[in-house]
Amino acid sequence: MLLMTKAHHSNIDEDLDYRKHTDNFGKGPKGHSPWTGVSQFLQTSQKIIQFASGKEPQPGDTIIYVAGAFDLFHIGHVDFLEKVHQLSERPYIIAGLHFDQEVNRYKGKNYPIMNIHERTLSVLACRYVSEVVIGAPYAVTADLLDHFRVTLVCHGMTEVVSDKDGSDPYEEPKRRGIFQLVDSGSNLTTDLIVQRIIKNRLEFEARNQKKEAKELAVLEAMKKLEEKH
């Protein structure tokens, strides 16, 4: 995680079929994700059910779709989902989670930090989310909107990266007039959390180096003192 290097994913061809690399939610050789390099636990339908609300949308519900990486699920995500939840008296929020490969395409570096397993369970555990689409397409398509009977599509104030072909991933909901930007009121992002971790790590190493240098100086002084006697 602390390396955050773009080369981390360079051994994987970006154009490979997602399904080929997401059997059992992206399990790669030796039980590791080919995208995050993190050991993965065995996912089961029962485990997902334990986190899911189990509720289906009812007549009169406002079906709201949001999508993203939801990496290192944090208070910024919760604030956003809470604001979305407040947009309707009877909200039914569906969160689309992008596969690890897709997240790495538009975020680069060493992202995602959490694999698709962990991100799925984290989002499902949020009280404002009713359903999760695992491996949602990056572009919010007409098929997706029609299939889930989506009433409203929301996105936070973070940057929207273009799709592979340069198109706007929210083109279709914008065309239908059902797209809305939502300001969560929080400026916390996954990037900020990672930057804090790296900064704290570097400060920790610097303190240790200074401490080690002082200890070596003391030992050297004691050695010289012993030699004189």
Protein backbone atom coordinates (compact mmCIF):
# COMPACT_ATOMS: atom_id res chain seq x y z
CA MET A 1 0.00 0.00 0.00
CA LEU A 2 2.74 2.42 0.94
CA LEU A 3 4.57 1.99 -2.36
CA MET A 4 1.69 3.39 -4.41
CA THR A 5 3.55 2.74 -7.64
CA LYS A 6 1.97 2.73 -11.08
CA ALA A 7 4.04 -0.35 -11.95
CA HIS A 8 2.13 -2.36 -9.36
CA HIS A 9 -0.44 -3.41 -11.95
CA SER A 10 1.81 -3.43 -15.01
CA ASN A 11 1.89 -7.21 -15.28
CA ILE A 12 -1.81 -7.31 -16.13
CA ASP A 13 -3.11 -6.46 -19.58
CA GLU A 14 -5.80 -3.80 -19.12
CA ASP A 15 -7.83 -5.15 -22.01
CA LEU A 16 -8.24 -8.63 -20.55
CA ASP A 17 -11.80 -9.72 -19.95
CA TYR A 18 -12.96 -8.84 -16.40
CA ARG A 19 -14.69 -12.17 -15.95
CA LYS A 20 -11.51 -14.08 -16.62
CA HIS A 21 -9.85 -12.34 -13.67
CA THR A 22 -12.83 -12.08 -11.36
CA ASP A 23 -13.83 -15.67 -10.85
CA ASN A 24 -14.49 -15.94 -7.11
CA PHE A 25 -14.33 -12.13 -7.01
CA GLY A 26 -10.93 -11.75 -8.65
CA LYS A 27 -9.01 -14.53 -7.00
CA GLY A 28 -5.64 -14.89 -8.71
CA PRO A 29 -2.76 -17.38 -8.46
CA LYS A 30 -2.05 -18.64 -4.93
CA GLY A 31 -5.22 -17.03 -3.61
CA HIS A 32 -4.11 -13.45 -4.25
CA SER A 33 -5.93 -10.71 -6.14
CA PRO A 34 -4.16 -9.98 -9.47
CA TRP A 35 -5.01 -6.30 -8.90
CA THR A 36 -4.33 -5.59 -5.23
CA GLY A 37 -1.83 -8.35 -4.46
CA VAL A 38 -3.69 -8.95 -1.21
CA SER A 39 -4.54 -12.40 0.10
CA GLN A 40 -8.24 -13.03 -0.20
CA PHE A 41 -10.59 -14.87 2.10
CA LEU A 42 -13.09 -17.30 0.63
CA GLN A 43 -16.24 -15.46 -0.29
CA THR A 44 -19.61 -17.13 0.13
CA SER A 45 -23.17 -16.13 -0.64
CA GLN A 46 -24.03 -16.60 3.03
CA LYS A 47 -21.37 -14.11 4.05
CA ILE A 48 -22.83 -11.51 1.69
CA ILE A 49 -26.35 -12.21 2.98
CA GLN A 50 -25.17 -11.54 6.53
CA PHE A 51 -24.16 -8.02 5.51
CA ALA A 52 -27.02 -7.28 3.11
CA SER A 53 -30.36 -5.79 4.15
CA GLY A 54 -32.28 -8.41 2.19
CA LYS A 55 -34.93 -5.85 1.28
CA GLU A 56 -36.29 -5.52 -2.23
CA PRO A 57 -37.56 -2.20 -3.63
CA GLN A 58 -41.24 -1.63 -2.99
CA PRO A 59 -43.81 0.35 -5.02
CA GLY A 60 -43.31 4.01 -4.22
CA ASP A 61 -39.61 3.67 -3.41
CA THR A 62 -37.15 6.02 -5.09
CA ILE A 63 -34.47 3.80 -6.54
CA ILE A 64 -31.20 5.73 -6.43
CA TYR A 65 -28.01 4.50 -8.08
CA VAL A 66 -24.51 5.51 -7.03
CA ALA A 67 -21.24 4.05 -8.29
CA GLY A 68 -17.56 4.13 -7.45
CA ALA A 69 -14.63 2.35 -5.86
CA PHE A 70 -15.65 2.97 -2.24
CA ASP A 71 -12.08 2.08 -1.32
CA LEU A 72 -11.03 2.19 2.36
CA PHE A 73 -14.68 2.84 3.17
CA HIS A 74 -14.62 5.93 5.39
CA ILE A 75 -16.74 8.73 6.86
CA GLY A 76 -16.60 10.67 3.60
CA HIS A 77 -18.42 7.81 1.88
CA VAL A 78 -20.91 7.56 4.73
CA ASP A 79 -21.62 11.30 4.63
CA PHE A 80 -22.24 11.10 0.88
CA LEU A 81 -24.57 8.10 1.19
CA GLU A 82 -26.44 9.78 4.03
CA LYS A 83 -27.01 12.90 1.89
CA VAL A 84 -28.24 10.71 -0.96
CA HIS A 85 -30.53 8.88 1.46
CA GLN A 86 -32.06 12.20 2.48
CA LEU A 87 -33.09 13.04 -1.09
CA SER A 88 -36.24 10.94 -0.81
CA GLU A 89 -38.77 9.91 1.80
CA ARG A 90 -38.47 6.29 0.67
CA PRO A 91 -34.99 5.82 -0.79
CA TYR A 92 -33.67 2.51 -2.04
CA ILE A 93 -29.98 3.01 -2.71
CA ILE A 94 -28.11 0.70 -5.05
CA ALA A 95 -24.31 1.06 -4.96
CA GLY A 96 -22.36 -0.07 -8.00
CA LEU A 97 -18.83 -1.23 -7.14
CA HIS A 98 -16.25 -1.32 -9.91
CA PHE A 99 -13.93 -4.30 -10.28
CA ASP A 100 -10.33 -3.89 -9.07
CA GLN A 101 -9.01 -3.60 -12.63
CA GLU A 102 -11.41 -0.79 -13.48
CA VAL A 103 -10.55 1.13 -10.31
CA ASN A 104 -6.87 0.85 -11.15
CA ARG A 105 -7.55 2.15 -14.66
CA TYR A 106 -9.04 5.44 -13.51
CA LYS A 107 -7.18 5.88 -10.21
CA GLY A 108 -3.79 4.41 -11.12
CA LYS A 109 -0.93 3.91 -8.66
CA ASN A 110 -1.62 1.07 -6.24
CA TYR A 111 -5.40 1.43 -6.13
CA PRO A 112 -7.63 -0.13 -5.04
CA ILE A 113 -6.20 -0.73 -1.58
CA MET A 114 -9.12 -2.97 -0.60
CA ASN A 115 -10.08 -5.79 -2.94
CA ILE A 116 -13.59 -6.32 -4.30
CA HIS A 117 -14.41 -8.70 -1.41
CA GLU A 118 -13.68 -6.13 1.26
CA ARG A 119 -15.23 -3.21 -0.57
CA THR A 120 -18.44 -5.15 -1.14
CA LEU A 121 -18.90 -6.09 2.51
CA SER A 122 -17.93 -2.61 3.70
CA VAL A 123 -20.57 -0.92 1.56
CA LEU A 124 -23.23 -3.53 2.34
CA ALA A 125 -22.65 -2.87 6.04
CA CYS A 126 -23.69 0.77 5.59
CA ARG A 127 -27.24 1.37 6.81
CA TYR A 128 -28.05 3.67 3.89
CA VAL A 129 -27.31 1.06 1.20
CA SER A 130 -29.98 -1.44 0.19
CA GLU A 131 -28.18 -3.32 -2.57
CA VAL A 132 -24.74 -3.61 -4.17
CA VAL A 133 -23.91 -4.33 -7.80
CA ILE A 134 -20.62 -6.22 -7.70
CA GLY A 135 -18.50 -5.37 -10.72
CA ALA A 136 -20.76 -2.61 -12.03
CA PRO A 137 -19.90 -1.21 -15.46
CA TYR A 138 -18.01 2.07 -15.32
CA ALA A 139 -20.47 3.75 -17.67
CA VAL A 140 -24.00 3.95 -16.31
CA THR A 141 -25.78 2.36 -19.26
CA ALA A 142 -29.38 2.37 -20.39
CA ASP A 143 -29.55 -1.38 -19.72
CA LEU A 144 -28.43 -0.87 -16.13
CA LEU A 145 -30.92 1.94 -15.53
CA ASP A 146 -33.78 -0.04 -17.05
CA HIS A 147 -32.90 -3.30 -15.32
CA PHE A 148 -32.92 -1.75 -11.84
CA ARG A 149 -35.69 0.75 -12.68
CA VAL A 150 -33.45 3.57 -11.47
CA THR A 151 -35.20 6.85 -10.65
CA LEU A 152 -32.13 8.93 -9.82
CA VAL A 153 -28.36 8.67 -10.33
CA CYS A 154 -26.07 10.53 -7.92
CA HIS A 155 -22.39 11.34 -7.79
CA GLY A 156 -20.28 13.22 -5.25
CA MET A 157 -18.19 16.32 -5.87
CA THR A 158 -15.08 14.33 -6.76
CA GLU A 159 -13.71 14.30 -10.31
CA VAL A 160 -15.44 12.09 -12.87
CA VAL A 161 -12.82 10.40 -15.06
CA SER A 162 -13.80 9.73 -18.66
CA ASP A 163 -14.46 6.19 -19.85
CA LYS A 164 -11.87 4.34 -21.96
CA ASP A 165 -13.28 5.84 -25.16
CA GLY A 166 -13.23 9.35 -23.70
CA SER A 167 -16.99 9.48 -23.15
CA ASP A 168 -18.81 10.69 -20.05
CA PRO A 169 -19.78 7.64 -17.93
CA TYR A 170 -22.90 9.53 -16.81
CA GLU A 171 -24.00 10.52 -20.29
CA GLU A 172 -27.13 8.34 -20.28
CA PRO A 173 -28.58 9.45 -16.90
CA LYS A 174 -27.81 13.06 -17.85
CA ARG A 175 -29.67 12.57 -21.14
CA ARG A 176 -32.66 11.25 -19.18
CA GLY A 177 -32.49 14.16 -16.74
CA ILE A 178 -32.03 11.92 -13.70
CA PHE A 179 -28.44 12.80 -12.79
CA GLN A 180 -27.64 14.82 -9.66
CA LEU A 181 -24.42 15.95 -7.99
CA VAL A 182 -24.50 15.63 -4.21
CA ASP A 183 -22.22 17.56 -1.88
CA SER A 184 -21.51 15.45 1.19
CA GLY A 185 -19.97 18.35 3.08
CA SER A 186 -16.87 16.23 3.74
CA ASN A 187 -13.53 16.66 2.03
CA LEU A 188 -12.15 13.34 3.22
CA THR A 189 -11.06 11.02 0.40
CA THR A 190 -9.20 7.75 0.10
CA ASP A 191 -6.25 9.68 -1.34
CA LEU A 192 -6.07 11.87 1.77
CA ILE A 193 -6.10 8.83 4.04
CA VAL A 194 -3.29 7.21 2.05
CA GLN A 195 -1.28 10.46 2.16
CA ARG A 196 -1.68 10.58 5.95
CA ILE A 197 -0.45 7.00 6.27
CA ILE A 198 2.58 7.66 4.08
CA LYS A 199 3.38 10.93 5.91
CA ASN A 200 3.11 9.26 9.32
CA ARG A 201 5.25 6.36 8.13
CA LEU A 202 7.98 8.67 6.85
CA GLU A 203 7.93 10.69 10.09
CA PHE A 204 8.16 7.45 12.08
CA GLU A 205 11.18 6.30 10.06
CA ALA A 206 12.85 9.71 10.41
CA ARG A 207 12.42 9.64 14.21
CA ASN A 208 13.86 6.14 14.36
CA GLN A 209 16.86 7.14 12.25
CA LYS A 210 17.60 10.10 14.56
CA LYS A 211 17.23 7.88 17.62
CA GLU A 212 19.52 5.27 16.13
CA ALA A 213 22.11 7.91 15.25
CA LYS A 214 22.09 9.22 18.84
CA GLU A 215 22.45 5.71 20.26
CA LEU A 216 25.37 4.97 17.94
CA ALA A 217 27.03 8.22 18.96
CA VAL A 218 26.67 7.31 22.65
CA LEU A 219 28.10 3.83 22.06
CA GLU A 220 31.00 5.30 20.12
CA ALA A 221 31.71 7.79 22.92
CA MET A 222 31.60 5.02 25.55
CA LYS A 223 33.95 2.90 23.44
CA LYS A 224 36.49 5.73 23.18
CA LEU A 225 36.21 6.35 26.92
CA GLU A 226 36.94 2.69 27.66
CA GLU A 227 39.94 2.75 25.31
CA LYS A 228 41.47 5.68 27.22
CA HIS A 229 41.29 3.73 30.44
